Amino acid sequence: MAEKKFVFETAMKRLEEIVKTLEQGDAPLDKSLALFEEGTQLIRKCGQTLDTAEQKLRLLVQSPDGPQAVPFGEEEGDNA
C-alpha cells in the first residue's frame, strides 16, 4: 500500500479538528489518546516541513556579496 503524500495545509486542518475534539472533552479516553498520538505525529511532520522550507529560504536569500543565509523574519529592512 502506498503512503499518502503529506500536505501541510491538510495536516494543519486535521490538527485543528483534533484540538477542537480534545477541547470539548467528551471523547472516550481511548479515542482521546489516539487523537493525541495522531496530533503529535502531525506536529512532528509539520515541524519538519517548516524546517525544510526555512532551509530553502535561507539558500534563496541573496546579498550583493553572493548568497547569504538570513533567518526568516530578519531580512534587511525588516523593521517588525
PDB file of N, CA and C in Angstrom:
ATOM      1  N   MET A   1       0.849  -1.191   0.000  1.00  0.00           N
ATOM      2  CA  MET A   1       0.000   0.000   0.000  1.00  0.00           C
ATOM      3  C   MET A   1       0.888   1.246   0.000  1.00  0.00           C
ATOM      4  N   ALA A   2       0.618   2.179  -0.895  1.00  0.00           N
ATOM      5  CA  ALA A   2       1.407   3.403  -0.995  1.00  0.00           C
ATOM      6  C   ALA A   2       1.008   4.374   0.108  1.00  0.00           C
ATOM      7  N   GLU A   3       2.021   5.065   0.628  1.00  0.00           N
ATOM      8  CA  GLU A   3       1.774   6.068   1.675  1.00  0.00           C
ATOM      9  C   GLU A   3       1.209   7.327   1.034  1.00  0.00           C
ATOM     10  N   LYS A   4       0.222   7.945   1.708  1.00  0.00           N
ATOM     11  CA  LYS A   4      -0.355   9.185   1.198  1.00  0.00           C
ATOM     12  C   LYS A   4       0.688  10.288   1.207  1.00  0.00           C
ATOM     13  N   LYS A   5       0.607  11.160   0.206  1.00  0.00           N
ATOM     14  CA  LYS A   5       1.514  12.307   0.150  1.00  0.00           C
ATOM     15  C   LYS A   5       1.140  13.284   1.263  1.00  0.00           C
ATOM     16  N   PHE A   6       2.140  13.745   1.983  1.00  0.00           N
ATOM     17  CA  PHE A   6       1.921  14.680   3.079  1.00  0.00           C
ATOM     18  C   PHE A   6       1.646  16.064   2.505  1.00  0.00           C
ATOM     19  N   VAL A   7       0.531  16.654   2.922  1.00  0.00           N
ATOM     20  CA  VAL A   7       0.165  18.007   2.509  1.00  0.00           C
ATOM     21  C   VAL A   7       0.043  18.848   3.774  1.00  0.00           C
ATOM     22  N   PHE A   8       0.905  19.851   3.887  1.00  0.00           N
ATOM     23  CA  PHE A   8       0.985  20.669   5.096  1.00  0.00           C
ATOM     24  C   PHE A   8      -0.372  21.259   5.474  1.00  0.00           C
ATOM     25  N   GLU A   9      -1.050  21.863   4.522  1.00  0.00           N
ATOM     26  CA  GLU A   9      -2.324  22.530   4.814  1.00  0.00           C
ATOM     27  C   GLU A   9      -3.381  21.531   5.300  1.00  0.00           C
ATOM     28  N   THR A  10      -3.393  20.357   4.716  1.00  0.00           N
ATOM     29  CA  THR A  10      -4.327  19.315   5.144  1.00  0.00           C
ATOM     30  C   THR A  10      -4.005  18.869   6.565  1.00  0.00           C
ATOM     31  N   ALA A  11      -2.725  18.732   6.866  1.00  0.00           N
ATOM     32  CA  ALA A  11      -2.307  18.332   8.214  1.00  0.00           C
ATOM     33  C   ALA A  11      -2.701  19.389   9.239  1.00  0.00           C
ATOM     34  N   MET A  12      -2.542  20.655   8.892  1.00  0.00           N
ATOM     35  CA  MET A  12      -2.914  21.724   9.819  1.00  0.00           C
ATOM     36  C   MET A  12      -4.426  21.725  10.066  1.00  0.00           C
ATOM     37  N   LYS A  13      -5.200  21.487   9.030  1.00  0.00           N
ATOM     38  CA  LYS A  13      -6.653  21.428   9.192  1.00  0.00           C
ATOM     39  C   LYS A  13      -7.027  20.257  10.105  1.00  0.00           C
ATOM     40  N   ARG A  14      -6.379  19.123   9.911  1.00  0.00           N
ATOM     41  CA  ARG A  14      -6.650  17.956  10.762  1.00  0.00           C
ATOM     42  C   ARG A  14      -6.254  18.246  12.207  1.00  0.00           C
ATOM     43  N   LEU A  15      -5.142  18.937  12.405  1.00  0.00           N
ATOM     44  CA  LEU A  15      -4.731  19.314  13.763  1.00  0.00           C
ATOM     45  C   LEU A  15      -5.788  20.187  14.433  1.00  0.00           C
ATOM     46  N   GLU A  16      -6.354  21.115  13.687  1.00  0.00           N
ATOM     47  CA  GLU A  16      -7.418  21.966  14.227  1.00  0.00           C
ATOM     48  C   GLU A  16      -8.619  21.122  14.665  1.00  0.00           C
ATOM     49  N   GLU A  17      -8.966  20.129  13.847  1.00  0.00           N
ATOM     50  CA  GLU A  17     -10.080  19.237  14.191  1.00  0.00           C
ATOM     51  C   GLU A  17      -9.778  18.451  15.467  1.00  0.00           C
ATOM     52  N   ILE A  18      -8.555  17.959  15.562  1.00  0.00           N
ATOM     53  CA  ILE A  18      -8.154  17.181  16.736  1.00  0.00           C
ATOM     54  C   ILE A  18      -8.221  18.040  17.989  1.00  0.00           C
ATOM     55  N   VAL A  19      -7.680  19.245  17.913  1.00  0.00           N
ATOM     56  CA  VAL A  19      -7.688  20.144  19.069  1.00  0.00           C
ATOM     57  C   VAL A  19      -9.124  20.449  19.494  1.00  0.00           C
ATOM     58  N   LYS A  20      -9.972  20.728  18.526  1.00  0.00           N
ATOM     59  CA  LYS A  20     -11.372  21.036  18.836  1.00  0.00           C
ATOM     60  C   LYS A  20     -12.040  19.860  19.549  1.00  0.00           C
ATOM     61  N   THR A  21     -11.817  18.660  19.050  1.00  0.00           N
ATOM     62  CA  THR A  21     -12.405  17.466  19.663  1.00  0.00           C
ATOM     63  C   THR A  21     -11.878  17.265  21.079  1.00  0.00           C
ATOM     64  N   LEU A  22     -10.569  17.414  21.253  1.00  0.00           N
ATOM     65  CA  LEU A  22      -9.982  17.218  22.581  1.00  0.00           C
ATOM     66  C   LEU A  22     -10.440  18.304  23.551  1.00  0.00           C
ATOM     67  N   GLU A  23     -10.595  19.536  23.068  1.00  0.00           N
ATOM     68  CA  GLU A  23     -11.047  20.626  23.940  1.00  0.00           C
ATOM     69  C   GLU A  23     -12.482  20.428  24.411  1.00  0.00           C
ATOM     70  N   GLN A  24     -13.299  19.767  23.603  1.00  0.00           N
ATOM     71  CA  GLN A  24     -14.680  19.507  24.008  1.00  0.00           C
ATOM     72  C   GLN A  24     -14.719  18.585  25.216  1.00  0.00           C
ATOM     73  N   GLY A  25     -13.740  17.694  25.318  1.00  0.00           N
ATOM     74  CA  GLY A  25     -13.602  16.850  26.489  1.00  0.00           C
ATOM     75  C   GLY A  25     -14.614  15.733  26.634  1.00  0.00           C
ATOM     76  N   ASP A  26     -15.402  15.461  25.610  1.00  0.00           N
ATOM     77  CA  ASP A  26     -16.414  14.417  25.745  1.00  0.00           C
ATOM     78  C   ASP A  26     -16.064  13.122  25.012  1.00  0.00           C
ATOM     79  N   ALA A  27     -14.851  13.049  24.437  1.00  0.00           N
ATOM     80  CA  ALA A  27     -14.425  11.824  23.760  1.00  0.00           C
ATOM     81  C   ALA A  27     -13.969  10.808  24.802  1.00  0.00           C
ATOM     82  N   PRO A  28     -14.226   9.526  24.564  1.00  0.00           N
ATOM     83  CA  PRO A  28     -13.735   8.493  25.481  1.00  0.00           C
ATOM     84  C   PRO A  28     -12.206   8.524  25.558  1.00  0.00           C
ATOM     85  N   LEU A  29     -11.682   8.014  26.653  1.00  0.00           N
ATOM     86  CA  LEU A  29     -10.239   8.065  26.888  1.00  0.00           C
ATOM     87  C   LEU A  29      -9.441   7.439  25.752  1.00  0.00           C
ATOM     88  N   ASP A  30      -9.853   6.256  25.279  1.00  0.00           N
ATOM     89  CA  ASP A  30      -9.087   5.601  24.221  1.00  0.00           C
ATOM     90  C   ASP A  30      -9.077   6.430  22.938  1.00  0.00           C
ATOM     91  N   LYS A  31     -10.197   7.078  22.606  1.00  0.00           N
ATOM     92  CA  LYS A  31     -10.241   7.943  21.422  1.00  0.00           C
ATOM     93  C   LYS A  31      -9.383   9.192  21.647  1.00  0.00           C
ATOM     94  N   SER A  32      -9.428   9.759  22.838  1.00  0.00           N
ATOM     95  CA  SER A  32      -8.615  10.936  23.154  1.00  0.00           C
ATOM     96  C   SER A  32      -7.132  10.622  23.022  1.00  0.00           C
ATOM     97  N   LEU A  33      -6.720   9.455  23.520  1.00  0.00           N
ATOM     98  CA  LEU A  33      -5.311   9.060  23.408  1.00  0.00           C
ATOM     99  C   LEU A  33      -4.910   8.865  21.943  1.00  0.00           C
ATOM    100  N   ALA A  34      -5.781   8.249  21.164  1.00  0.00           N
ATOM    101  CA  ALA A  34      -5.489   8.043  19.744  1.00  0.00           C
ATOM    102  C   ALA A  34      -5.389   9.384  19.010  1.00  0.00           C
ATOM    103  N   LEU A  35      -6.290  10.309  19.335  1.00  0.00           N
ATOM    104  CA  LEU A  35      -6.233  11.640  18.720  1.00  0.00           C
ATOM    105  C   LEU A  35      -4.969  12.385  19.122  1.00  0.00           C
ATOM    106  N   PHE A  36      -4.597  12.276  20.396  1.00  0.00           N
ATOM    107  CA  PHE A  36      -3.382  12.928  20.876  1.00  0.00           C
ATOM    108  C   PHE A  36      -2.161  12.384  20.133  1.00  0.00           C
ATOM    109  N   GLU A  37      -2.107  11.066  19.976  1.00  0.00           N
ATOM    110  CA  GLU A  37      -0.989  10.449  19.262  1.00  0.00           C
ATOM    111  C   GLU A  37      -0.947  10.915  17.808  1.00  0.00           C
ATOM    112  N   GLU A  38      -2.101  10.926  17.152  1.00  0.00           N
ATOM    113  CA  GLU A  38      -2.166  11.403  15.771  1.00  0.00           C
ATOM    114  C   GLU A  38      -1.711  12.856  15.682  1.00  0.00           C
ATOM    115  N   GLY A  39      -2.162  13.667  16.632  1.00  0.00           N
ATOM    116  CA  GLY A  39      -1.783  15.073  16.650  1.00  0.00           C
ATOM    117  C   GLY A  39      -0.288  15.279  16.818  1.00  0.00           C
ATOM    118  N   THR A  40       0.329  14.511  17.711  1.00  0.00           N
ATOM    119  CA  THR A  40       1.775  14.674  17.916  1.00  0.00           C
ATOM    120  C   THR A  40       2.553  14.255  16.666  1.00  0.00           C
ATOM    121  N   GLN A  41       2.073  13.224  15.970  1.00  0.00           N
ATOM    122  CA  GLN A  41       2.728  12.817  14.719  1.00  0.00           C
ATOM    123  C   GLN A  41       2.590  13.907  13.654  1.00  0.00           C
ATOM    124  N   LEU A  42       1.402  14.510  13.575  1.00  0.00           N
ATOM    125  CA  LEU A  42       1.198  15.587  12.603  1.00  0.00           C
ATOM    126  C   LEU A  42       2.064  16.802  12.933  1.00  0.00           C
ATOM    127  N   ILE A  43       2.165  17.132  14.222  1.00  0.00           N
ATOM    128  CA  ILE A  43       3.001  18.261  14.631  1.00  0.00           C
ATOM    129  C   ILE A  43       4.452  18.011  14.235  1.00  0.00           C
ATOM    130  N   ARG A  44       4.918  16.806  14.450  1.00  0.00           N
ATOM    131  CA  ARG A  44       6.304  16.459  14.097  1.00  0.00           C
ATOM    132  C   ARG A  44       6.529  16.627  12.597  1.00  0.00           C
ATOM    133  N   LYS A  45       5.599  16.097  11.782  1.00  0.00           N
ATOM    134  CA  LYS A  45       5.751  16.206  10.324  1.00  0.00           C
ATOM    135  C   LYS A  45       5.656  17.662   9.861  1.00  0.00           C
ATOM    136  N   CYS A  46       4.736  18.424  10.460  1.00  0.00           N
ATOM    137  CA  CYS A  46       4.614  19.840  10.097  1.00  0.00           C
ATOM    138  C   CYS A  46       5.893  20.592  10.461  1.00  0.00           C
ATOM    139  N   GLY A  47       6.444  20.292  11.612  1.00  0.00           N
ATOM    140  CA  GLY A  47       7.696  20.934  12.037  1.00  0.00           C
ATOM    141  C   GLY A  47       8.828  20.629  11.078  1.00  0.00           C
ATOM    142  N   GLN A  48       8.915  19.381  10.642  1.00  0.00           N
ATOM    143  CA  GLN A  48       9.949  19.006   9.677  1.00  0.00           C
ATOM    144  C   GLN A  48       9.753  19.738   8.355  1.00  0.00           C
ATOM    145  N   THR A  49       8.504  19.867   7.941  1.00  0.00           N
ATOM    146  CA  THR A  49       8.201  20.571   6.689  1.00  0.00           C
ATOM    147  C   THR A  49       8.591  22.042   6.793  1.00  0.00           C
ATOM    148  N   LEU A  50       8.279  22.664   7.933  1.00  0.00           N
ATOM    149  CA  LEU A  50       8.652  24.073   8.134  1.00  0.00           C
ATOM    150  C   LEU A  50      10.162  24.243   8.199  1.00  0.00           C
ATOM    151  N   ASP A  51      10.849  23.316   8.845  1.00  0.00           N
ATOM    152  CA  ASP A  51      12.317  23.383   8.905  1.00  0.00           C
ATOM    153  C   ASP A  51      12.921  23.293   7.509  1.00  0.00           C
ATOM    154  N   THR A  52      12.392  22.393   6.692  1.00  0.00           N
ATOM    155  CA  THR A  52      12.878  22.251   5.320  1.00  0.00           C
ATOM    156  C   THR A  52      12.622  23.528   4.519  1.00  0.00           C
ATOM    157  N   ALA A  53      11.433  24.089   4.684  1.00  0.00           N
ATOM    158  CA  ALA A  53      11.105  25.331   3.976  1.00  0.00           C
ATOM    159  C   ALA A  53      12.035  26.461   4.406  1.00  0.00           C
ATOM    160  N   GLU A  54      12.326  26.541   5.707  1.00  0.00           N
ATOM    161  CA  GLU A  54      13.225  27.584   6.191  1.00  0.00           C
ATOM    162  C   GLU A  54      14.623  27.417   5.605  1.00  0.00           C
ATOM    163  N   GLN A  55      15.097  26.184   5.505  1.00  0.00           N
ATOM    164  CA  GLN A  55      16.414  25.942   4.910  1.00  0.00           C
ATOM    165  C   GLN A  55      16.439  26.378   3.451  1.00  0.00           C
ATOM    166  N   LYS A  56      15.363  26.092   2.729  1.00  0.00           N
ATOM    167  CA  LYS A  56      15.288  26.513   1.324  1.00  0.00           C
ATOM    168  C   LYS A  56      15.290  28.038   1.219  1.00  0.00           C
ATOM    169  N   LEU A  57      14.551  28.711   2.115  1.00  0.00           N
ATOM    170  CA  LEU A  57      14.530  30.172   2.101  1.00  0.00           C
ATOM    171  C   LEU A  57      15.913  30.747   2.373  1.00  0.00           C
ATOM    172  N   ARG A  58      16.616  30.145   3.309  1.00  0.00           N
ATOM    173  CA  ARG A  58      17.975  30.611   3.609  1.00  0.00           C
ATOM    174  C   ARG A  58      18.870  30.529   2.378  1.00  0.00           C
ATOM    175  N   LEU A  59      18.713  29.477   1.591  1.00  0.00           N
ATOM    176  CA  LEU A  59      19.534  29.311   0.398  1.00  0.00           C
ATOM    177  C   LEU A  59      19.157  30.313  -0.692  1.00  0.00           C
ATOM    178  N   LEU A  60      17.918  30.753  -0.695  1.00  0.00           N
ATOM    179  CA  LEU A  60      17.453  31.653  -1.745  1.00  0.00           C
ATOM    180  C   LEU A  60      17.766  33.126  -1.477  1.00  0.00           C
ATOM    181  N   VAL A  61      18.031  33.472  -0.227  1.00  0.00           N
ATOM    182  CA  VAL A  61      18.302  34.869   0.109  1.00  0.00           C
ATOM    183  C   VAL A  61      19.656  35.259  -0.484  1.00  0.00           C
ATOM    184  N   GLN A  62      19.651  36.335  -1.223  1.00  0.00           N
ATOM    185  CA  GLN A  62      20.874  36.811  -1.878  1.00  0.00           C
ATOM    186  C   GLN A  62      21.288  38.162  -1.309  1.00  0.00           C
ATOM    187  N   SER A  63      22.579  38.396  -1.237  1.00  0.00           N
ATOM    188  CA  SER A  63      23.111  39.703  -0.861  1.00  0.00           C
ATOM    189  C   SER A  63      24.028  40.165  -1.989  1.00  0.00           C
ATOM    190  N   PRO A  64      24.448  41.428  -1.968  1.00  0.00           N
ATOM    191  CA  PRO A  64      25.355  41.903  -3.016  1.00  0.00           C
ATOM    192  C   PRO A  64      26.652  41.098  -3.071  1.00  0.00           C
ATOM    193  N   ASP A  65      27.047  40.493  -1.971  1.00  0.00           N
ATOM    194  CA  ASP A  65      28.285  39.710  -1.913  1.00  0.00           C
ATOM    195  C   ASP A  65      28.057  38.240  -2.233  1.00  0.00           C
ATOM    196  N   GLY A  66      26.871  37.883  -2.699  1.00  0.00           N
ATOM    197  CA  GLY A  66      26.566  36.491  -3.014  1.00  0.00           C
ATOM    198  C   GLY A  66      25.553  35.928  -2.043  1.00  0.00           C
ATOM    199  N   PRO A  67      25.308  34.638  -2.134  1.00  0.00           N
ATOM    200  CA  PRO A  67      24.316  34.025  -1.254  1.00  0.00           C
ATOM    201  C   PRO A  67      24.664  34.226   0.220  1.00  0.00           C
ATOM    202  N   GLN A  68      23.663  34.520   1.002  1.00  0.00           N
ATOM    203  CA  GLN A  68      23.870  34.739   2.428  1.00  0.00           C
ATOM    204  C   GLN A  68      22.679  34.155   3.178  1.00  0.00           C
ATOM    205  N   ALA A  69      22.941  33.331   4.182  1.00  0.00           N
ATOM    206  CA  ALA A  69      21.872  32.754   4.993  1.00  0.00           C
ATOM    207  C   ALA A  69      21.376  33.796   5.975  1.00  0.00           C
ATOM    208  N   VAL A  70      20.085  34.103   5.895  1.00  0.00           N
ATOM    209  CA  VAL A  70      19.454  35.066   6.787  1.00  0.00           C
ATOM    210  C   VAL A  70      18.238  34.384   7.397  1.00  0.00           C
ATOM    211  N   PRO A  71      18.141  34.318   8.730  1.00  0.00           N
ATOM    212  CA  PRO A  71      16.959  33.689   9.333  1.00  0.00           C
ATOM    213  C   PRO A  71      15.689  34.364   8.868  1.00  0.00           C
ATOM    214  N   PHE A  72      14.648  33.579   8.653  1.00  0.00           N
ATOM    215  CA  PHE A  72      13.361  34.098   8.209  1.00  0.00           C
ATOM    216  C   PHE A  72      12.878  35.158   9.180  1.00  0.00           C
ATOM    217  N   GLY A  73      12.431  36.290   8.662  1.00  0.00           N
ATOM    218  CA  GLY A  73      11.937  37.370   9.504  1.00  0.00           C
ATOM    219  C   GLY A  73      13.009  38.380   9.856  1.00  0.00           C
ATOM    220  N   GLU A  74      14.242  38.090   9.501  1.00  0.00           N
ATOM    221  CA  GLU A  74      15.338  39.019   9.813  1.00  0.00           C
ATOM    222  C   GLU A  74      15.962  39.575   8.548  1.00  0.00           C
ATOM    223  N   GLU A  75      15.169  39.676   7.476  1.00  0.00           N
ATOM    224  CA  GLU A  75      15.680  40.201   6.222  1.00  0.00           C
ATOM    225  C   GLU A  75      16.050  41.669   6.385  1.00  0.00           C
ATOM    226  N   GLU A  76      16.951  42.133   5.530  1.00  0.00           N
ATOM    227  CA  GLU A  76      17.372  43.534   5.561  1.00  0.00           C
ATOM    228  C   GLU A  76      16.171  44.433   5.355  1.00  0.00           C
ATOM    229  N   GLY A  77      16.044  45.444   6.174  1.00  0.00           N
ATOM    230  CA  GLY A  77      14.941  46.383   6.056  1.00  0.00           C
ATOM    231  C   GLY A  77      13.698  45.930   6.784  1.00  0.00           C
ATOM    232  N   ASP A  78      13.757  44.810   7.475  1.00  0.00           N
ATOM    233  CA  ASP A  78      12.607  44.309   8.239  1.00  0.00           C
ATOM    234  C   ASP A  78      12.565  45.025   9.570  1.00  0.00           C
ATOM    235  N   ASN A  79      11.615  45.923   9.735  1.00  0.00           N
ATOM    236  CA  ASN A  79      11.507  46.722  10.955  1.00  0.00           C
ATOM    237  C   ASN A  79      10.403  46.254  11.860  1.00  0.00           C
ATOM    238  N   ALA A  80       9.985  45.002  11.718  1.00  0.00           N
ATOM    239  CA  ALA A  80       8.873  44.474  12.520  1.00  0.00           C
ATOM    240  C   ALA A  80       9.246  44.297  13.965  1.00  0.00           C
TER     241      ALA A  80
END
